[in-house]
Amino acid sequence: MKKILMFSLLTAIVAITACAQQPKASPAQKATGKIGKANITINYSSPAVKGRNIFGDLVPYGKVWRTGADEATVFETDSDVMIEGKKLAAGKYSLFTIPDANSWTIIFNKTWNQWGSYKYKEDDDVLRVNAKPKKSAGFNEQLKIEVGKDNKVKIMWADTEVAFDVKG
């Protein structure tokens, strides 16, 4: 009986250790940069293409997307900024998007601590702006967000890139 109990305990420990070492399907990423006086940080989970059709399929056109995987993407700025010419106060926001073939809606929502977009409420939007998607220079297997180059935030995944202007 002791041998069976010891074997079961050892098996459980090995299984838990193996599961804990598995890489996350959509690893956590952080994009940081300084635009003007503003320090900007974007925390997101980075899903992979894995041979799938992304925009218009996996991420449907015309629907709110968490702009990543898992938890909602979080956009934080320590100073007021202008996003596409519209003021966004210093603070922490969830960053949602509504992708479409010719235009994306970029959404800053006051409820930053939420899972995905399941409880997204348009009434909590602080700012909405539009941006034009384009074909990216290269293929991005993993979702990537960059802050600061040319005073822009860029969202890149698969063969698509969308950027919006930020002034600090």
C-alpha atoms as a PDB file:
ATOM      1  CA  MET A   1       0.000   0.000   0.000  1.00  0.00           C
ATOM      2  CA  LYS A   2       2.855   2.382   0.842  1.00  0.00           C
ATOM      3  CA  LYS A   3       4.468   1.682  -2.538  1.00  0.00           C
ATOM      4  CA  ILE A   4       1.226   2.515  -4.381  1.00  0.00           C
ATOM      5  CA  LEU A   5       0.772   5.724  -2.405  1.00  0.00           C
ATOM      6  CA  MET A   6       4.407   6.757  -2.950  1.00  0.00           C
ATOM      7  CA  PHE A   7       4.174   5.978  -6.692  1.00  0.00           C
ATOM      8  CA  SER A   8       0.952   8.019  -6.984  1.00  0.00           C
ATOM      9  CA  LEU A   9       2.514  10.967  -5.167  1.00  0.00           C
ATOM     10  CA  LEU A  10       5.641  10.832  -7.338  1.00  0.00           C
ATOM     11  CA  THR A  11       3.512  10.632 -10.521  1.00  0.00           C
ATOM     12  CA  ALA A  12       1.483  13.668  -9.428  1.00  0.00           C
ATOM     13  CA  ILE A  13       4.647  15.691  -8.721  1.00  0.00           C
ATOM     14  CA  VAL A  14       6.126  14.805 -12.128  1.00  0.00           C
ATOM     15  CA  ALA A  15       2.849  15.708 -13.907  1.00  0.00           C
ATOM     16  CA  ILE A  16       2.540  19.060 -12.104  1.00  0.00           C
ATOM     17  CA  THR A  17       6.188  19.904 -12.840  1.00  0.00           C
ATOM     18  CA  ALA A  18       5.782  19.008 -16.528  1.00  0.00           C
ATOM     19  CA  CYS A  19       2.633  21.141 -16.848  1.00  0.00           C
ATOM     20  CA  ALA A  20       4.286  24.089 -15.126  1.00  0.00           C
ATOM     21  CA  GLN A  21       7.135  24.026 -17.632  1.00  0.00           C
ATOM     22  CA  GLN A  22       4.902  24.131 -20.727  1.00  0.00           C
ATOM     23  CA  PRO A  23       5.281  27.415 -22.606  1.00  0.00           C
ATOM     24  CA  LYS A  24       2.166  29.567 -22.712  1.00  0.00           C
ATOM     25  CA  ALA A  25       0.395  29.443 -26.094  1.00  0.00           C
ATOM     26  CA  SER A  26       0.172  33.259 -26.154  1.00  0.00           C
ATOM     27  CA  PRO A  27       3.116  34.506 -24.096  1.00  0.00           C
ATOM     28  CA  ALA A  28       2.890  37.751 -22.138  1.00  0.00           C
ATOM     29  CA  GLN A  29       4.681  40.660 -23.819  1.00  0.00           C
ATOM     30  CA  LYS A  30       5.413  44.262 -22.909  1.00  0.00           C
ATOM     31  CA  ALA A  31       5.941  47.132 -25.326  1.00  0.00           C
ATOM     32  CA  THR A  32       7.421  50.294 -23.840  1.00  0.00           C
ATOM     33  CA  GLY A  33       8.557  53.602 -25.191  1.00  0.00           C
ATOM     34  CA  LYS A  34       8.708  57.323 -24.646  1.00  0.00           C
ATOM     35  CA  ILE A  35       6.782  59.705 -26.880  1.00  0.00           C
ATOM     36  CA  GLY A  36       7.346  63.331 -25.950  1.00  0.00           C
ATOM     37  CA  LYS A  37       7.091  63.479 -22.154  1.00  0.00           C
ATOM     38  CA  ALA A  38       4.916  60.357 -21.934  1.00  0.00           C
ATOM     39  CA  ASN A  39       6.207  56.951 -20.890  1.00  0.00           C
ATOM     40  CA  ILE A  40       3.917  54.395 -22.513  1.00  0.00           C
ATOM     41  CA  THR A  41       3.619  50.732 -21.563  1.00  0.00           C
ATOM     42  CA  ILE A  42       1.433  48.188 -23.320  1.00  0.00           C
ATOM     43  CA  ASN A  43       0.980  44.754 -21.755  1.00  0.00           C
ATOM     44  CA  TYR A  44      -0.511  42.095 -24.011  1.00  0.00           C
ATOM     45  CA  SER A  45      -0.550  38.391 -24.765  1.00  0.00           C
ATOM     46  CA  SER A  46       0.969  37.497 -28.124  1.00  0.00           C
ATOM     47  CA  PRO A  47      -0.884  34.776 -30.046  1.00  0.00           C
ATOM     48  CA  ALA A  48       0.666  32.995 -33.027  1.00  0.00           C
ATOM     49  CA  VAL A  49      -0.717  32.624 -36.538  1.00  0.00           C
ATOM     50  CA  LYS A  50      -0.184  28.827 -36.634  1.00  0.00           C
ATOM     51  CA  GLY A  51      -1.280  28.640 -40.275  1.00  0.00           C
ATOM     52  CA  ARG A  52      -4.647  30.274 -39.603  1.00  0.00           C
ATOM     53  CA  ASN A  53      -6.325  33.117 -41.504  1.00  0.00           C
ATOM     54  CA  ILE A  54      -6.269  35.955 -38.992  1.00  0.00           C
ATOM     55  CA  PHE A  55      -8.156  39.142 -39.876  1.00  0.00           C
ATOM     56  CA  GLY A  56     -11.637  38.597 -41.223  1.00  0.00           C
ATOM     57  CA  ASP A  57     -11.606  34.987 -39.972  1.00  0.00           C
ATOM     58  CA  LEU A  58     -10.051  34.148 -36.578  1.00  0.00           C
ATOM     59  CA  VAL A  59     -10.442  37.839 -35.664  1.00  0.00           C
ATOM     60  CA  PRO A  60     -13.753  38.747 -37.360  1.00  0.00           C
ATOM     61  CA  TYR A  61     -14.195  42.055 -39.102  1.00  0.00           C
ATOM     62  CA  GLY A  62     -16.549  44.507 -37.436  1.00  0.00           C
ATOM     63  CA  LYS A  63     -16.340  42.996 -33.928  1.00  0.00           C
ATOM     64  CA  VAL A  64     -14.531  44.183 -30.810  1.00  0.00           C
ATOM     65  CA  TRP A  65     -11.221  42.361 -30.331  1.00  0.00           C
ATOM     66  CA  ARG A  66      -9.065  42.363 -27.187  1.00  0.00           C
ATOM     67  CA  THR A  67      -6.025  43.123 -29.397  1.00  0.00           C
ATOM     68  CA  GLY A  68      -4.182  40.017 -28.305  1.00  0.00           C
ATOM     69  CA  ALA A  69      -5.093  36.905 -26.362  1.00  0.00           C
ATOM     70  CA  ASP A  70      -6.147  36.068 -22.821  1.00  0.00           C
ATOM     71  CA  GLU A  71      -6.571  39.220 -20.684  1.00  0.00           C
ATOM     72  CA  ALA A  72      -7.477  42.485 -22.378  1.00  0.00           C
ATOM     73  CA  THR A  73      -4.440  44.407 -23.639  1.00  0.00           C
ATOM     74  CA  VAL A  74      -3.518  47.227 -21.226  1.00  0.00           C
ATOM     75  CA  PHE A  75      -2.314  50.647 -22.446  1.00  0.00           C
ATOM     76  CA  GLU A  76      -0.748  52.869 -19.779  1.00  0.00           C
ATOM     77  CA  THR A  77       0.621  56.399 -20.047  1.00  0.00           C
ATOM     78  CA  ASP A  78       2.070  58.507 -17.238  1.00  0.00           C
ATOM     79  CA  SER A  79       1.243  61.801 -19.015  1.00  0.00           C
ATOM     80  CA  ASP A  80      -1.629  63.121 -21.075  1.00  0.00           C
ATOM     81  CA  VAL A  81      -1.201  62.276 -24.767  1.00  0.00           C
ATOM     82  CA  MET A  82      -2.906  63.060 -28.046  1.00  0.00           C
ATOM     83  CA  ILE A  83      -4.042  59.991 -29.953  1.00  0.00           C
ATOM     84  CA  GLU A  84      -4.768  60.799 -33.603  1.00  0.00           C
ATOM     85  CA  GLY A  85      -5.308  64.409 -32.473  1.00  0.00           C
ATOM     86  CA  LYS A  86      -7.664  63.575 -29.584  1.00  0.00           C
ATOM     87  CA  LYS A  87      -6.732  63.911 -25.903  1.00  0.00           C
ATOM     88  CA  LEU A  88      -6.251  60.852 -23.717  1.00  0.00           C
ATOM     89  CA  ALA A  89      -5.584  61.599 -20.036  1.00  0.00           C
ATOM     90  CA  ALA A  90      -2.733  59.919 -18.185  1.00  0.00           C
ATOM     91  CA  GLY A  91      -3.886  56.556 -16.864  1.00  0.00           C
ATOM     92  CA  LYS A  92      -4.424  52.888 -17.511  1.00  0.00           C
ATOM     93  CA  TYR A  93      -6.849  51.647 -20.165  1.00  0.00           C
ATOM     94  CA  SER A  94      -7.783  48.461 -21.949  1.00  0.00           C
ATOM     95  CA  LEU A  95      -6.866  48.685 -25.621  1.00  0.00           C
ATOM     96  CA  PHE A  96      -9.518  47.160 -27.852  1.00  0.00           C
ATOM     97  CA  THR A  97      -9.784  47.328 -31.604  1.00  0.00           C
ATOM     98  CA  ILE A  98     -12.463  46.716 -34.196  1.00  0.00           C
ATOM     99  CA  PRO A  99     -10.585  45.496 -37.267  1.00  0.00           C
ATOM    100  CA  ASP A 100     -11.994  45.888 -40.763  1.00  0.00           C
ATOM    101  CA  ALA A 101     -10.449  45.509 -44.208  1.00  0.00           C
ATOM    102  CA  ASN A 102     -10.060  49.263 -44.800  1.00  0.00           C
ATOM    103  CA  SER A 103     -10.226  50.895 -41.350  1.00  0.00           C
ATOM    104  CA  TRP A 104      -9.715  49.918 -37.738  1.00  0.00           C
ATOM    105  CA  THR A 105     -11.344  51.518 -34.728  1.00  0.00           C
ATOM    106  CA  ILE A 106      -8.852  51.882 -31.869  1.00  0.00           C
ATOM    107  CA  ILE A 107     -10.616  51.925 -28.477  1.00  0.00           C
ATOM    108  CA  PHE A 108      -9.331  53.058 -25.072  1.00  0.00           C
ATOM    109  CA  ASN A 109     -11.666  51.732 -22.395  1.00  0.00           C
ATOM    110  CA  LYS A 110     -11.592  52.695 -18.699  1.00  0.00           C
ATOM    111  CA  THR A 111     -12.106  49.091 -17.526  1.00  0.00           C
ATOM    112  CA  TRP A 112      -8.534  47.914 -17.965  1.00  0.00           C
ATOM    113  CA  ASN A 113      -8.565  44.833 -15.725  1.00  0.00           C
ATOM    114  CA  GLN A 114     -10.727  42.329 -17.581  1.00  0.00           C
ATOM    115  CA  TRP A 115     -10.469  38.996 -19.336  1.00  0.00           C
ATOM    116  CA  GLY A 116     -10.691  39.284 -23.093  1.00  0.00           C
ATOM    117  CA  SER A 117     -13.566  41.335 -24.441  1.00  0.00           C
ATOM    118  CA  TYR A 118     -16.358  39.233 -22.948  1.00  0.00           C
ATOM    119  CA  LYS A 119     -17.493  41.961 -20.533  1.00  0.00           C
ATOM    120  CA  TYR A 120     -16.559  44.882 -22.781  1.00  0.00           C
ATOM    121  CA  LYS A 121     -18.958  47.812 -22.444  1.00  0.00           C
ATOM    122  CA  GLU A 122     -18.993  50.560 -25.046  1.00  0.00           C
ATOM    123  CA  ASP A 123     -20.262  52.938 -22.333  1.00  0.00           C
ATOM    124  CA  ASP A 124     -16.833  52.598 -20.663  1.00  0.00           C
ATOM    125  CA  ASP A 125     -14.971  53.834 -23.762  1.00  0.00           C
ATOM    126  CA  VAL A 126     -12.893  56.925 -23.042  1.00  0.00           C
ATOM    127  CA  LEU A 127     -11.638  57.446 -26.596  1.00  0.00           C
ATOM    128  CA  ARG A 128     -12.156  56.005 -30.080  1.00  0.00           C
ATOM    129  CA  VAL A 129     -10.061  56.851 -33.129  1.00  0.00           C
ATOM    130  CA  ASN A 130      -9.676  55.363 -36.595  1.00  0.00           C
ATOM    131  CA  ALA A 131      -6.522  54.060 -38.266  1.00  0.00           C
ATOM    132  CA  LYS A 132      -5.793  52.551 -41.670  1.00  0.00           C
ATOM    133  CA  PRO A 133      -4.397  49.013 -41.876  1.00  0.00           C
ATOM    134  CA  LYS A 134      -1.750  48.155 -44.453  1.00  0.00           C
ATOM    135  CA  LYS A 135       0.205  45.152 -45.592  1.00  0.00           C
ATOM    136  CA  SER A 136       3.238  44.801 -43.331  1.00  0.00           C
ATOM    137  CA  ALA A 137       6.786  44.776 -44.666  1.00  0.00           C
ATOM    138  CA  GLY A 138       7.296  41.246 -43.343  1.00  0.00           C
ATOM    139  CA  PHE A 139       5.267  38.394 -41.904  1.00  0.00           C
ATOM    140  CA  ASN A 140       4.764  38.369 -38.114  1.00  0.00           C
ATOM    141  CA  GLU A 141       4.024  34.885 -36.786  1.00  0.00           C
ATOM    142  CA  GLN A 142       3.441  36.323 -33.303  1.00  0.00           C
ATOM    143  CA  LEU A 143       1.365  39.431 -32.591  1.00  0.00           C
ATOM    144  CA  LYS A 144       3.762  42.308 -31.971  1.00  0.00           C
ATOM    145  CA  ILE A 145       3.131  45.817 -30.648  1.00  0.00           C
ATOM    146  CA  GLU A 146       5.727  48.606 -30.828  1.00  0.00           C
ATOM    147  CA  VAL A 147       5.729  51.983 -29.080  1.00  0.00           C
ATOM    148  CA  GLY A 148       7.512  55.132 -30.094  1.00  0.00           C
ATOM    149  CA  LYS A 149       8.979  54.706 -33.549  1.00  0.00           C
ATOM    150  CA  ASP A 150       7.920  57.786 -35.545  1.00  0.00           C
ATOM    151  CA  ASN A 151       5.577  58.802 -32.658  1.00  0.00           C
ATOM    152  CA  LYS A 152       3.323  55.859 -33.382  1.00  0.00           C
ATOM    153  CA  VAL A 153       2.009  52.728 -31.764  1.00  0.00           C
ATOM    154  CA  LYS A 154       2.096  49.839 -34.240  1.00  0.00           C
ATOM    155  CA  ILE A 155       0.109  46.617 -34.048  1.00  0.00           C
ATOM    156  CA  MET A 156       1.524  43.917 -36.332  1.00  0.00           C
ATOM    157  CA  TRP A 157       0.275  40.396 -36.895  1.00  0.00           C
ATOM    158  CA  ALA A 158       0.446  38.046 -39.845  1.00  0.00           C
ATOM    159  CA  ASP A 159       0.718  40.279 -42.932  1.00  0.00           C
ATOM    160  CA  THR A 160      -1.179  43.224 -41.424  1.00  0.00           C
ATOM    161  CA  GLU A 161       0.054  46.368 -39.702  1.00  0.00           C
ATOM    162  CA  VAL A 162      -1.994  49.197 -38.229  1.00  0.00           C
ATOM    163  CA  ALA A 163      -0.461  52.277 -36.617  1.00  0.00           C
ATOM    164  CA  PHE A 164      -1.890  55.249 -34.777  1.00  0.00           C
ATOM    165  CA  ASP A 165      -0.241  58.595 -33.996  1.00  0.00           C
ATOM    166  CA  VAL A 166       0.657  59.521 -30.442  1.00  0.00           C
ATOM    167  CA  LYS A 167       1.941  62.907 -29.282  1.00  0.00           C
ATOM    168  CA  GLY A 168       3.139  63.385 -25.721  1.00  0.00           C
END
